[in-house]
Structure formats: C-alpha cells, structure tokens
C-alpha cells in the first residue's frame, strides 16, 4: 500500500474561486488589481499635474500683462505726474538695471558651456548697431507719453508690424504674400482712422511715436539679419543688447539731459520719491523675465496675443481712470487695426511652424524677439547619417 501524500486530500485549486472563470483567475494571480490601482493613481496624478500646470501658465500670463502695463504707467507717472520730464534718463535707469540683473542671471543660471561666445568685433559690428536703435525706440517711446494720451500711444504701437514687414520686403528677408500685404493694409487703415479721430493730437508726440515705431522695426530687422545663427538664451540677448542700449542711452542723457537736470535740480524728485524710481528701474527686467516664461510655457504667439490684450486694457485704463477721451472714430479704427494685428501674428506663427517642419534635420533652438523660430543649420546627409 502506497503512502498517501497530504496534498492529495486538498480540493482542486478551482474550488477556491467558485465564481471566477480561468481567465479572471489568471489575471488575479498575475497581480492585475495592483496594476489597475497603479494606473488609476498615475492618471489622477497626471490630471492633477496638468491642472496645476495650466493654473501656473495662467498666473504667469496675467503677471506679465500686469507688470508690463505697470511699467508703462509708472514711467508715465515719473515724467507726467512727478514732473521728471527726462525720457532718456528714465529709459537709461530701466535698461541699466535690466542689463545688470540679466548679467547676474547668466552668471548664476546658465552654464559656461551653454553660453554664446561674442568677440569684440562681433559686439561692435553686430550688437552695438542693434543697441542704438533699441535706445532710440525707448527714448522716443517715452517722449511720446509726454505729449500724447496713453490710449493713443497704444493704438500707434500697432503700426510696428506694418513697418517691420515693409523693411523685411525691402531687405528681401521676407517674401511678400497676399495675406501679409492684406494685414498690412488693414492695420494701416485702422491706425489712419484712429489718428484722424484723435482730439488732442500733438505733432511732436506723433513724430516721436512714429520714430519709435520705425526704430523698433529697424531693430527687429537688424536682429534677424545681423544675429542670424546666434542661438542666444533670452537673458544672454538682454545682457549683450541691453549693455549696448545702455551705453547709447547714457551718451544721449549726458549730451541732452544732464545739464538741464543739474540746472533745475530735477534730481531732487528722485531723492524725495525713491520708491517709484526703484520700481520703474526693476520693472523692465520683470517684463523680460516673465516674457521668457510665457514663451517657454506657452508660445511666442501667446505672448503677442497677450500684448494685444494688454494694449487694449491700457486704452480702457486711459479712458476710465485717466479721463482720456477716445472718439468713436478712434475706437473703430483701433478695432480694425487690432483685427489686422492678430491676423498678422497668426500668419507669422503658421509660417514659422511650417518652416520648422520643412527644414531638414534642423533643430529648433529658440525664439527671437520678433517671434521667429531660430533653427540650427541643417545636417547634410552622409553615408553614416542616412
């Protein structure tokens, strides 16, 4: 008689799962409940992270509009309300602070291996000319606020893409398409209507703002032409171009404004009201830092659309809080130009995206201040890389 094994008296394994079929038993034996739980936890975490990211992007966008609008209003307050009528010096203080903070950022946050090397020849032949037109933009832009309303200044800024497109066409850096020409015509018509509707038009202020718009357009074109192939981090760009701009502004302030400031003792305004000057000096860096975050978290198109929204809000602020008068003709003209401006940005974004997709083996390495995608040179296919 053979000995009986203790295991032989056990019921078959299937009797322990009387209500489950064999497939379900295999799933349980393989740990399916654990995998399902982990999957649900991962999905919940991803949903929570996505919601947090969306909230953060929204906060950054609102912060950029607030700081950018605040910078404009505080500069105007210094020159108009406090009576410090020296636009070059105000611009110089802001650029000096922004350049210094950007230099600190580059030294602390960007590894040396990732920084662009700029020779003395490149700095004086490529960056200094760009800095000159940037300085002229700030100088004339601040001067415009001395003679024109905030609302009308914001309307005139919509002319920038028009002048930029015309310069790009002349320089043959951009191909004139029917859609781009149409947006230029629409924006020009809208700004012309807004100008005819301005009740308190100042010739000096209008010339200053038009010079600022043209200078900004030239700066954008020169940036695209002279700094092509340079993959600057935005803070590096602010460091180098800001230093050149600061140099030009300092020279202009010395030649034109230092003697009047000393003669009228206007510097006492800053001594008696230091906080507004400190805020104005730091606001420019805040605008640039937040703009970098917006581009990184969203896109350059988002930044341009936010700029349009900000300009519209400033027009409303001028009417509601500064008691500026906007006629119906101005309102209609600005609405038309705003539609053309948004269309222009949409077209440029579509072209940039198509160029990035159609560029063989190119790597997108950044977005310049004109909103164009910067790419590295395409890799020539070889036997080993094909």
Foldseek 3Di string as FASTA:
>chain_A
DDDDDPVVPDDDPVVVVVPDDPVVVVCVVVPVVVVVVVVVVVVVVVVVVVVVLVVVLVVLLVLLLVLVLVLVVLLLCVCPVLVLVQQLVLVLLQLVLLLVVLVVCCVPPPDPVPADDADPVLLVPQQLVLLLLVLLLSSLLSNLSVQDFLLLLLLLLLLLVLLLVVVCVVVVVDDDDPLLVVLSVLLVQLNVLLQVQAPRDDPSSVVSSVSSSNSVSVSVVSCCVSVAQPLHDLSRSSNSNSVSNSVNSVVVCVVPPPVVCVVVVVVVSCVVPVVSSVSSNCSSNVSSVSLSVSCVSPRNLSVQVSSLVSSVVSSVCSCPPVVHDGDPSSVRSSVSSSVSSNSNSVVQVVVQVVCVVPQAQWDFRDADPVRHTHIHHHDDDDPVRD
